[in-house]
C-alpha atoms as a PDB file:
ATOM      1  CA  MET A   1       9.385  -5.492   0.368  1.00  0.00           C
ATOM      2  CA  SER A   2      10.055  -8.674  -0.041  1.00  0.00           C
ATOM      3  CA  THR A   3       8.205 -12.011  -0.466  1.00  0.00           C
ATOM      4  CA  ARG A   4      11.691 -13.322   0.994  1.00  0.00           C
ATOM      5  CA  SER A   5      10.325 -14.010   4.668  1.00  0.00           C
ATOM      6  CA  ASN A   6       6.816 -14.055   5.334  1.00  0.00           C
ATOM      7  CA  ALA A   7       7.899 -12.248   8.746  1.00  0.00           C
ATOM      8  CA  ALA A   8       8.764  -9.190   7.264  1.00  0.00           C
ATOM      9  CA  ALA A   9       5.836  -6.027   7.977  1.00  0.00           C
ATOM     10  CA  VAL A  10       4.243  -3.760   6.275  1.00  0.00           C
ATOM     11  CA  GLU A  11       3.408  -0.632   7.761  1.00  0.00           C
ATOM     12  CA  ARG A  12       1.171   2.114   6.961  1.00  0.00           C
ATOM     13  CA  THR A  13       3.208   5.574   6.712  1.00  0.00           C
ATOM     14  CA  THR A  14       1.718   8.927   8.558  1.00  0.00           C
ATOM     15  CA  MET A  15       2.105  10.713   5.284  1.00  0.00           C
ATOM     16  CA  MET A  16      -1.603  10.541   3.673  1.00  0.00           C
ATOM     17  CA  ALA A  17      -0.074  11.914   0.347  1.00  0.00           C
ATOM     18  CA  PRO A  18       3.612  11.679  -1.719  1.00  0.00           C
ATOM     19  CA  PRO A  19       5.087  15.118  -1.918  1.00  0.00           C
ATOM     20  CA  MET A  20       4.461  16.010  -5.336  1.00  0.00           C
ATOM     21  CA  PRO A  21       6.051  19.750  -6.059  1.00  0.00           C
ATOM     22  CA  GLY A  22       4.642  22.026  -8.487  1.00  0.00           C
ATOM     23  CA  LYS A  23       1.687  19.954  -8.739  1.00  0.00           C
ATOM     24  CA  LYS A  24      -2.212  21.576  -8.200  1.00  0.00           C
ATOM     25  CA  ALA A  25      -4.505  19.849  -5.521  1.00  0.00           C
ATOM     26  CA  SER A  26      -6.849  18.684  -8.246  1.00  0.00           C
ATOM     27  CA  ASP A  27      -3.768  17.527 -10.168  1.00  0.00           C
ATOM     28  CA  THR A  28      -2.763  15.421  -7.139  1.00  0.00           C
ATOM     29  CA  ALA A  29      -6.088  13.972  -6.021  1.00  0.00           C
ATOM     30  CA  GLN A  30      -6.253  12.726  -9.630  1.00  0.00           C
ATOM     31  CA  LEU A  31      -2.768  10.983  -9.400  1.00  0.00           C
ATOM     32  CA  LEU A  32      -4.055   9.550  -6.240  1.00  0.00           C
ATOM     33  CA  ASP A  33      -6.848   7.928  -7.449  1.00  0.00           C
ATOM     34  CA  ARG A  34      -5.718   6.176 -10.431  1.00  0.00           C
ATOM     35  CA  LEU A  35      -2.852   4.835  -7.521  1.00  0.00           C
ATOM     36  CA  ILE A  36      -4.997   3.427  -5.120  1.00  0.00           C
ATOM     37  CA  HIS A  37      -8.393   2.486  -6.741  1.00  0.00           C
ATOM     38  CA  GLU A  38      -7.358  -0.752  -8.154  1.00  0.00           C
ATOM     39  CA  ARG A  39      -8.887  -3.487  -5.679  1.00  0.00           C
ATOM     40  CA  MET A  40      -6.297  -5.031  -4.161  1.00  0.00           C
ATOM     41  CA  ARG A  41      -4.309  -1.535  -3.233  1.00  0.00           C
ATOM     42  CA  LEU A  42      -7.239  -0.347  -1.621  1.00  0.00           C
ATOM     43  CA  GLY A  43      -7.450  -3.794   0.362  1.00  0.00           C
ATOM     44  CA  ILE A  44      -4.278  -3.083   1.779  1.00  0.00           C
ATOM     45  CA  VAL A  45      -4.633   0.907   2.459  1.00  0.00           C
ATOM     46  CA  SER A  46      -7.714  -0.495   4.488  1.00  0.00           C
ATOM     47  CA  ALA A  47      -6.428  -3.609   6.343  1.00  0.00           C
ATOM     48  CA  LEU A  48      -3.603  -1.219   6.988  1.00  0.00           C
ATOM     49  CA  ALA A  49      -6.400   1.514   8.381  1.00  0.00           C
ATOM     50  CA  ALA A  50      -7.651  -0.874  10.951  1.00  0.00           C
ATOM     51  CA  ASN A  51      -4.414  -2.557  11.932  1.00  0.00           C
ATOM     52  CA  GLU A  52      -1.005  -0.397  12.592  1.00  0.00           C
ATOM     53  CA  VAL A  53       0.920  -3.261  11.937  1.00  0.00           C
ATOM     54  CA  LEU A  54       0.462  -6.508   9.583  1.00  0.00           C
ATOM     55  CA  THR A  55       3.059  -9.561   8.371  1.00  0.00           C
ATOM     56  CA  PHE A  56       3.550  -9.983   4.923  1.00  0.00           C
ATOM     57  CA  THR A  57       1.554 -13.214   5.880  1.00  0.00           C
ATOM     58  CA  GLU A  58      -1.241 -11.370   7.488  1.00  0.00           C
ATOM     59  CA  LEU A  59      -1.860  -9.471   4.346  1.00  0.00           C
ATOM     60  CA  LYS A  60      -1.786 -11.974   2.173  1.00  0.00           C
ATOM     61  CA  ARG A  61      -4.382 -14.672   4.031  1.00  0.00           C
ATOM     62  CA  LEU A  62      -6.920 -10.935   5.025  1.00  0.00           C
ATOM     63  CA  LEU A  63      -6.840 -10.757   1.590  1.00  0.00           C
ATOM     64  CA  ASP A  64      -7.116 -14.349   0.357  1.00  0.00           C
ATOM     65  CA  THR A  65      -4.222 -13.610  -2.230  1.00  0.00           C
ATOM     66  CA  THR A  66      -0.986 -14.859  -3.501  1.00  0.00           C
ATOM     67  CA  ASP A  67       2.480 -14.058  -2.501  1.00  0.00           C
ATOM     68  CA  GLY A  68       3.600 -12.201  -5.924  1.00  0.00           C
ATOM     69  CA  ASN A  69       0.116 -10.156  -5.851  1.00  0.00           C
ATOM     70  CA  VAL A  70       0.219  -9.027  -2.230  1.00  0.00           C
ATOM     71  CA  SER A  71       3.946  -7.705  -3.091  1.00  0.00           C
ATOM     72  CA  VAL A  72       3.357  -5.953  -6.220  1.00  0.00           C
ATOM     73  CA  HIS A  73       0.526  -3.834  -5.383  1.00  0.00           C
ATOM     74  CA  ALA A  74       2.512  -3.100  -1.672  1.00  0.00           C
ATOM     75  CA  ARG A  75       5.857  -2.654  -3.508  1.00  0.00           C
ATOM     76  CA  LYS A  76       3.574  -0.104  -5.497  1.00  0.00           C
ATOM     77  CA  LEU A  77       1.889   1.824  -2.358  1.00  0.00           C
ATOM     78  CA  GLU A  78       5.628   1.622  -1.244  1.00  0.00           C
ATOM     79  CA  GLU A  79       7.390   3.857  -3.666  1.00  0.00           C
ATOM     80  CA  ALA A  80       4.512   6.418  -3.717  1.00  0.00           C
ATOM     81  CA  GLY A  81       5.287   6.217  -0.086  1.00  0.00           C
ATOM     82  CA  TYR A  82       1.490   4.989   0.877  1.00  0.00           C
ATOM     83  CA  VAL A  83       3.459   2.087   3.536  1.00  0.00           C
ATOM     84  CA  SER A  84       7.008   1.023   4.805  1.00  0.00           C
END
């Protein structure tokens, strides 16, 4: 995801958790909690739970934050497989 285009869309994925080969479910749960416990990331996940697709601008406006803040946190969620 890039901040270059305000038309860029953030979409939720159907994958609920990133694949974690060799990890126990309890280990994965702790890792997931650390990934989405941050307020902005939880806001992004919550916004996408209610909306199939949001543009970058819509997400920024909804969360009342800056381009950089949405970009950094959305990228973390994208890398973990939560959004695409």
